[in-house]
PDB file of N, CA and C in Angstrom:
ATOM      1  N   MET A   1      49.970 -14.235  56.399  1.00  0.00           N
ATOM      2  CA  MET A   1      49.166 -14.658  57.529  1.00  0.00           C
ATOM      3  C   MET A   1      50.080 -14.822  58.749  1.00  0.00           C
ATOM      4  N   PRO A   2      49.806 -14.162  59.896  1.00  0.00           N
ATOM      5  CA  PRO A   2      50.665 -14.252  61.075  1.00  0.00           C
ATOM      6  C   PRO A   2      50.597 -15.632  61.717  1.00  0.00           C
ATOM      7  N   ASP A   3      51.670 -15.976  62.387  1.00  0.00           N
ATOM      8  CA  ASP A   3      51.740 -17.255  63.083  1.00  0.00           C
ATOM      9  C   ASP A   3      50.975 -17.140  64.400  1.00  0.00           C
ATOM     10  N   GLU A   4      49.849 -17.847  64.518  1.00  0.00           N
ATOM     11  CA  GLU A   4      49.011 -17.752  65.705  1.00  0.00           C
ATOM     12  C   GLU A   4      49.665 -18.385  66.915  1.00  0.00           C
ATOM     13  N   ASP A   5      50.536 -19.385  66.723  1.00  0.00           N
ATOM     14  CA  ASP A   5      51.185 -20.055  67.840  1.00  0.00           C
ATOM     15  C   ASP A   5      52.173 -19.142  68.556  1.00  0.00           C
ATOM     16  N   ALA A   6      52.717 -18.145  67.888  1.00  0.00           N
ATOM     17  CA  ALA A   6      53.710 -17.273  68.495  1.00  0.00           C
ATOM     18  C   ALA A   6      53.105 -16.460  69.647  1.00  0.00           C
ATOM     19  N   ALA A   7      51.830 -16.110  69.567  1.00  0.00           N
ATOM     20  CA  ALA A   7      51.197 -15.297  70.599  1.00  0.00           C
ATOM     21  C   ALA A   7      50.567 -16.135  71.706  1.00  0.00           C
ATOM     22  N   ALA A   8      50.327 -17.392  71.456  1.00  0.00           N
ATOM     23  CA  ALA A   8      49.663 -18.248  72.439  1.00  0.00           C
ATOM     24  C   ALA A   8      50.644 -18.674  73.526  1.00  0.00           C
ATOM     25  N   PRO A   9      50.198 -18.635  74.799  1.00  0.00           N
ATOM     26  CA  PRO A   9      51.079 -19.102  75.875  1.00  0.00           C
ATOM     27  C   PRO A   9      51.252 -20.614  75.783  1.00  0.00           C
ATOM     28  N   PRO A  10      52.362 -21.116  76.307  1.00  0.00           N
ATOM     29  CA  PRO A  10      52.571 -22.566  76.281  1.00  0.00           C
ATOM     30  C   PRO A  10      51.501 -23.280  77.098  1.00  0.00           C
ATOM     31  N   PRO A  11      51.245 -24.537  76.797  1.00  0.00           N
ATOM     32  CA  PRO A  11      50.237 -25.276  77.572  1.00  0.00           C
ATOM     33  C   PRO A  11      50.709 -25.456  79.019  1.00  0.00           C
ATOM     34  N   PRO A  12      49.756 -25.575  79.940  1.00  0.00           N
ATOM     35  CA  PRO A  12      50.155 -25.768  81.342  1.00  0.00           C
ATOM     36  C   PRO A  12      50.836 -27.121  81.545  1.00  0.00           C
ATOM     37  N   ILE A  13      51.624 -27.191  82.597  1.00  0.00           N
ATOM     38  CA  ILE A  13      52.299 -28.443  82.962  1.00  0.00           C
ATOM     39  C   ILE A  13      51.462 -29.132  84.028  1.00  0.00           C
ATOM     40  N   ASP A  14      51.444 -30.428  83.991  1.00  0.00           N
ATOM     41  CA  ASP A  14      50.709 -31.215  84.973  1.00  0.00           C
ATOM     42  C   ASP A  14      51.196 -30.848  86.386  1.00  0.00           C
ATOM     43  N   PRO A  15      50.304 -30.414  87.275  1.00  0.00           N
ATOM     44  CA  PRO A  15      50.711 -30.034  88.639  1.00  0.00           C
ATOM     45  C   PRO A  15      51.431 -31.163  89.377  1.00  0.00           C
ATOM     46  N   ARG A  16      51.069 -32.408  89.091  1.00  0.00           N
ATOM     47  CA  ARG A  16      51.746 -33.536  89.752  1.00  0.00           C
ATOM     48  C   ARG A  16      53.215 -33.597  89.349  1.00  0.00           C
ATOM     49  N   LEU A  17      53.502 -33.235  88.092  1.00  0.00           N
ATOM     50  CA  LEU A  17      54.889 -33.212  87.629  1.00  0.00           C
ATOM     51  C   LEU A  17      55.660 -32.111  88.355  1.00  0.00           C
ATOM     52  N   LEU A  18      55.031 -30.953  88.518  1.00  0.00           N
ATOM     53  CA  LEU A  18      55.691 -29.852  89.219  1.00  0.00           C
ATOM     54  C   LEU A  18      56.000 -30.195  90.674  1.00  0.00           C
ATOM     55  N   GLU A  19      55.185 -31.053  91.278  1.00  0.00           N
ATOM     56  CA  GLU A  19      55.407 -31.445  92.670  1.00  0.00           C
ATOM     57  C   GLU A  19      56.667 -32.282  92.832  1.00  0.00           C
ATOM     58  N   VAL A  20      57.057 -33.032  91.809  1.00  0.00           N
ATOM     59  CA  VAL A  20      58.205 -33.933  91.944  1.00  0.00           C
ATOM     60  C   VAL A  20      59.479 -33.396  91.310  1.00  0.00           C
ATOM     61  N   LEU A  21      59.356 -32.432  90.402  1.00  0.00           N
ATOM     62  CA  LEU A  21      60.555 -31.885  89.764  1.00  0.00           C
ATOM     63  C   LEU A  21      61.303 -30.963  90.715  1.00  0.00           C
ATOM     64  N   VAL A  22      62.620 -31.107  90.732  1.00  0.00           N
ATOM     65  CA  VAL A  22      63.490 -30.211  91.490  1.00  0.00           C
ATOM     66  C   VAL A  22      64.665 -29.831  90.599  1.00  0.00           C
ATOM     67  N   CYS A  23      65.360 -28.788  90.988  1.00  0.00           N
ATOM     68  CA  CYS A  23      66.548 -28.376  90.249  1.00  0.00           C
ATOM     69  C   CYS A  23      67.589 -29.503  90.333  1.00  0.00           C
ATOM     70  N   PRO A  24      68.143 -29.919  89.209  1.00  0.00           N
ATOM     71  CA  PRO A  24      69.124 -31.006  89.250  1.00  0.00           C
ATOM     72  C   PRO A  24      70.434 -30.609  89.946  1.00  0.00           C
ATOM     73  N   LEU A  25      70.704 -29.322  90.052  1.00  0.00           N
ATOM     74  CA  LEU A  25      71.948 -28.875  90.699  1.00  0.00           C
ATOM     75  C   LEU A  25      71.794 -28.679  92.200  1.00  0.00           C
ATOM     76  N   THR A  26      70.690 -28.041  92.606  1.00  0.00           N
ATOM     77  CA  THR A  26      70.519 -27.684  94.016  1.00  0.00           C
ATOM     78  C   THR A  26      69.510 -28.557  94.759  1.00  0.00           C
ATOM     79  N   LYS A  27      68.722 -29.315  94.020  1.00  0.00           N
ATOM     80  CA  LYS A  27      67.660 -30.168  94.585  1.00  0.00           C
ATOM     81  C   LYS A  27      66.576 -29.351  95.288  1.00  0.00           C
ATOM     82  N   THR A  28      66.433 -28.072  94.906  1.00  0.00           N
ATOM     83  CA  THR A  28      65.391 -27.220  95.480  1.00  0.00           C
ATOM     84  C   THR A  28      64.191 -27.170  94.540  1.00  0.00           C
ATOM     85  N   THR A  29      63.059 -26.708  95.072  1.00  0.00           N
ATOM     86  CA  THR A  29      61.834 -26.635  94.268  1.00  0.00           C
ATOM     87  C   THR A  29      61.982 -25.598  93.158  1.00  0.00           C
ATOM     88  N   LEU A  30      61.142 -25.748  92.149  1.00  0.00           N
ATOM     89  CA  LEU A  30      61.170 -24.876  90.981  1.00  0.00           C
ATOM     90  C   LEU A  30      59.896 -24.048  90.919  1.00  0.00           C
ATOM     91  N   ILE A  31      59.985 -22.891  90.295  1.00  0.00           N
ATOM     92  CA  ILE A  31      58.843 -22.014  90.083  1.00  0.00           C
ATOM     93  C   ILE A  31      58.488 -22.077  88.600  1.00  0.00           C
ATOM     94  N   TYR A  32      57.219 -22.348  88.301  1.00  0.00           N
ATOM     95  CA  TYR A  32      56.771 -22.456  86.916  1.00  0.00           C
ATOM     96  C   TYR A  32      56.393 -21.085  86.394  1.00  0.00           C
ATOM     97  N   ASP A  33      57.083 -20.637  85.355  1.00  0.00           N
ATOM     98  CA  ASP A  33      56.761 -19.381  84.672  1.00  0.00           C
ATOM     99  C   ASP A  33      56.103 -19.755  83.346  1.00  0.00           C
ATOM    100  N   ARG A  34      54.775 -19.825  83.357  1.00  0.00           N
ATOM    101  CA  ARG A  34      54.047 -20.266  82.167  1.00  0.00           C
ATOM    102  C   ARG A  34      54.244 -19.307  81.000  1.00  0.00           C
ATOM    103  N   ALA A  35      54.247 -18.011  81.267  1.00  0.00           N
ATOM    104  CA  ALA A  35      54.381 -17.016  80.196  1.00  0.00           C
ATOM    105  C   ALA A  35      55.701 -17.175  79.457  1.00  0.00           C
ATOM    106  N   ALA A  36      56.763 -17.481  80.180  1.00  0.00           N
ATOM    107  CA  ALA A  36      58.086 -17.645  79.562  1.00  0.00           C
ATOM    108  C   ALA A  36      58.337 -19.083  79.124  1.00  0.00           C
ATOM    109  N   GLY A  37      57.510 -20.023  79.609  1.00  0.00           N
ATOM    110  CA  GLY A  37      57.719 -21.432  79.272  1.00  0.00           C
ATOM    111  C   GLY A  37      58.993 -21.975  79.898  1.00  0.00           C
ATOM    112  N   GLU A  38      59.184 -21.635  81.191  1.00  0.00           N
ATOM    113  CA  GLU A  38      60.403 -22.041  81.888  1.00  0.00           C
ATOM    114  C   GLU A  38      60.097 -22.486  83.307  1.00  0.00           C
ATOM    115  N   LEU A  39      61.008 -23.285  83.854  1.00  0.00           N
ATOM    116  CA  LEU A  39      61.002 -23.632  85.263  1.00  0.00           C
ATOM    117  C   LEU A  39      62.186 -22.901  85.889  1.00  0.00           C
ATOM    118  N   ILE A  40      61.918 -22.104  86.901  1.00  0.00           N
ATOM    119  CA  ILE A  40      62.924 -21.230  87.498  1.00  0.00           C
ATOM    120  C   ILE A  40      63.493 -21.859  88.767  1.00  0.00           C
ATOM    121  N   SER A  41      64.814 -21.900  88.843  1.00  0.00           N
ATOM    122  CA  SER A  41      65.508 -22.281  90.070  1.00  0.00           C
ATOM    123  C   SER A  41      66.208 -21.037  90.590  1.00  0.00           C
ATOM    124  N   ARG A  42      65.618 -20.419  91.604  1.00  0.00           N
ATOM    125  CA  ARG A  42      66.232 -19.219  92.192  1.00  0.00           C
ATOM    126  C   ARG A  42      67.560 -19.576  92.868  1.00  0.00           C
ATOM    127  N   ALA A  43      67.628 -20.754  93.493  1.00  0.00           N
ATOM    128  CA  ALA A  43      68.841 -21.167  94.195  1.00  0.00           C
ATOM    129  C   ALA A  43      70.028 -21.298  93.244  1.00  0.00           C
ATOM    130  N   ALA A  44      69.794 -21.810  92.041  1.00  0.00           N
ATOM    131  CA  ALA A  44      70.870 -21.985  91.063  1.00  0.00           C
ATOM    132  C   ALA A  44      71.008 -20.781  90.145  1.00  0.00           C
ATOM    133  N   GLY A  45      69.987 -19.912  90.126  1.00  0.00           N
ATOM    134  CA  GLY A  45      70.011 -18.769  89.225  1.00  0.00           C
ATOM    135  C   GLY A  45      69.836 -19.173  87.776  1.00  0.00           C
ATOM    136  N   LEU A  46      69.028 -20.218  87.557  1.00  0.00           N
ATOM    137  CA  LEU A  46      68.824 -20.757  86.213  1.00  0.00           C
ATOM    138  C   LEU A  46      67.346 -20.867  85.877  1.00  0.00           C
ATOM    139  N   ALA A  47      67.047 -20.789  84.586  1.00  0.00           N
ATOM    140  CA  ALA A  47      65.698 -21.005  84.068  1.00  0.00           C
ATOM    141  C   ALA A  47      65.770 -22.146  83.076  1.00  0.00           C
ATOM    142  N   TYR A  48      65.129 -23.257  83.404  1.00  0.00           N
ATOM    143  CA  TYR A  48      65.126 -24.438  82.542  1.00  0.00           C
ATOM    144  C   TYR A  48      63.991 -24.325  81.528  1.00  0.00           C
ATOM    145  N   PRO A  49      64.278 -24.519  80.243  1.00  0.00           N
ATOM    146  CA  PRO A  49      63.230 -24.372  79.232  1.00  0.00           C
ATOM    147  C   PRO A  49      62.252 -25.549  79.237  1.00  0.00           C
ATOM    148  N   ILE A  50      61.064 -25.270  78.736  1.00  0.00           N
ATOM    149  CA  ILE A  50      60.061 -26.316  78.519  1.00  0.00           C
ATOM    150  C   ILE A  50      59.796 -26.322  77.019  1.00  0.00           C
ATOM    151  N   ARG A  51      60.081 -27.433  76.371  1.00  0.00           N
ATOM    152  CA  ARG A  51      59.892 -27.534  74.922  1.00  0.00           C
ATOM    153  C   ARG A  51      58.863 -28.615  74.612  1.00  0.00           C
ATOM    154  N   ASP A  52      57.836 -28.235  73.880  1.00  0.00           N
ATOM    155  CA  ASP A  52      56.756 -29.161  73.521  1.00  0.00           C
ATOM    156  C   ASP A  52      56.180 -29.840  74.751  1.00  0.00           C
ATOM    157  N   GLY A  53      56.071 -29.082  75.857  1.00  0.00           N
ATOM    158  CA  GLY A  53      55.492 -29.611  77.087  1.00  0.00           C
ATOM    159  C   GLY A  53      56.443 -30.456  77.915  1.00  0.00           C
ATOM    160  N   ILE A  54      57.711 -30.555  77.512  1.00  0.00           N
ATOM    161  CA  ILE A  54      58.692 -31.382  78.219  1.00  0.00           C
ATOM    162  C   ILE A  54      59.751 -30.489  78.859  1.00  0.00           C
ATOM    163  N   PRO A  55      59.878 -30.535  80.192  1.00  0.00           N
ATOM    164  CA  PRO A  55      60.927 -29.756  80.850  1.00  0.00           C
ATOM    165  C   PRO A  55      62.311 -30.308  80.488  1.00  0.00           C
ATOM    166  N   ILE A  56      63.204 -29.427  80.092  1.00  0.00           N
ATOM    167  CA  ILE A  56      64.575 -29.811  79.753  1.00  0.00           C
ATOM    168  C   ILE A  56      65.432 -29.489  80.977  1.00  0.00           C
ATOM    169  N   MET A  57      65.688 -30.507  81.788  1.00  0.00           N
ATOM    170  CA  MET A  57      66.343 -30.313  83.075  1.00  0.00           C
ATOM    171  C   MET A  57      67.860 -30.526  82.983  1.00  0.00           C
ATOM    172  N   LEU A  58      68.481 -29.865  82.031  1.00  0.00           N
ATOM    173  CA  LEU A  58      69.926 -29.927  81.844  1.00  0.00           C
ATOM    174  C   LEU A  58      70.508 -28.537  82.062  1.00  0.00           C
ATOM    175  N   ALA A  59      71.507 -28.432  82.915  1.00  0.00           N
ATOM    176  CA  ALA A  59      72.103 -27.126  83.208  1.00  0.00           C
ATOM    177  C   ALA A  59      72.668 -26.489  81.947  1.00  0.00           C
ATOM    178  N   ASP A  60      73.180 -27.294  81.027  1.00  0.00           N
ATOM    179  CA  ASP A  60      73.734 -26.764  79.775  1.00  0.00           C
ATOM    180  C   ASP A  60      72.667 -26.116  78.899  1.00  0.00           C
ATOM    181  N   GLU A  61      71.416 -26.508  79.064  1.00  0.00           N
ATOM    182  CA  GLU A  61      70.308 -25.962  78.275  1.00  0.00           C
ATOM    183  C   GLU A  61      69.620 -24.790  78.974  1.00  0.00           C
ATOM    184  N   ALA A  62      69.926 -24.590  80.256  1.00  0.00           N
ATOM    185  CA  ALA A  62      69.262 -23.553  81.048  1.00  0.00           C
ATOM    186  C   ALA A  62      69.810 -22.170  80.723  1.00  0.00           C
ATOM    187  N   ARG A  63      68.946 -21.194  80.937  1.00  0.00           N
ATOM    188  CA  ARG A  63      69.310 -19.790  80.777  1.00  0.00           C
ATOM    189  C   ARG A  63      69.677 -19.211  82.131  1.00  0.00           C
ATOM    190  N   ARG A  64      70.791 -18.495  82.188  1.00  0.00           N
ATOM    191  CA  ARG A  64      71.201 -17.848  83.435  1.00  0.00           C
ATOM    192  C   ARG A  64      70.261 -16.673  83.711  1.00  0.00           C
ATOM    193  N   LEU A  65      69.772 -16.587  84.942  1.00  0.00           N
ATOM    194  CA  LEU A  65      68.863 -15.502  85.322  1.00  0.00           C
ATOM    195  C   LEU A  65      69.635 -14.209  85.493  1.00  0.00           C
ATOM    196  N   GLU A  66      68.968 -13.108  85.164  1.00  0.00           N
ATOM    197  CA  GLU A  66      69.540 -11.785  85.377  1.00  0.00           C
ATOM    198  C   GLU A  66      69.555 -11.498  86.870  1.00  0.00           C
ATOM    199  N   THR A  67      70.590 -10.874  87.356  1.00  0.00           N
ATOM    200  CA  THR A  67      70.625 -10.487  88.762  1.00  0.00           C
ATOM    201  C   THR A  67      70.192  -9.034  88.882  1.00  0.00           C
ATOM    202  N   PRO A  68      69.261  -8.763  89.800  1.00  0.00           N
ATOM    203  CA  PRO A  68      68.742  -7.391  89.922  1.00  0.00           C
ATOM    204  C   PRO A  68      69.759  -6.429  90.491  1.00  0.00           C
TER     205      PRO A  68
END
């Protein structure tokens, strides 16, 4: 039996939370990528993961963005 959770997108984040969260390194606003389950900081070039609906705002846990 396939895992149904693997195909389901992550739950949305409370918009009020997105209004107050900023990148801990640059203090700039973040872009929510629901499909990837990440908060993107273009200024820092990092993608912060969201696990179980909780943003992990640690640079050590962030994924470095690919440069085009």
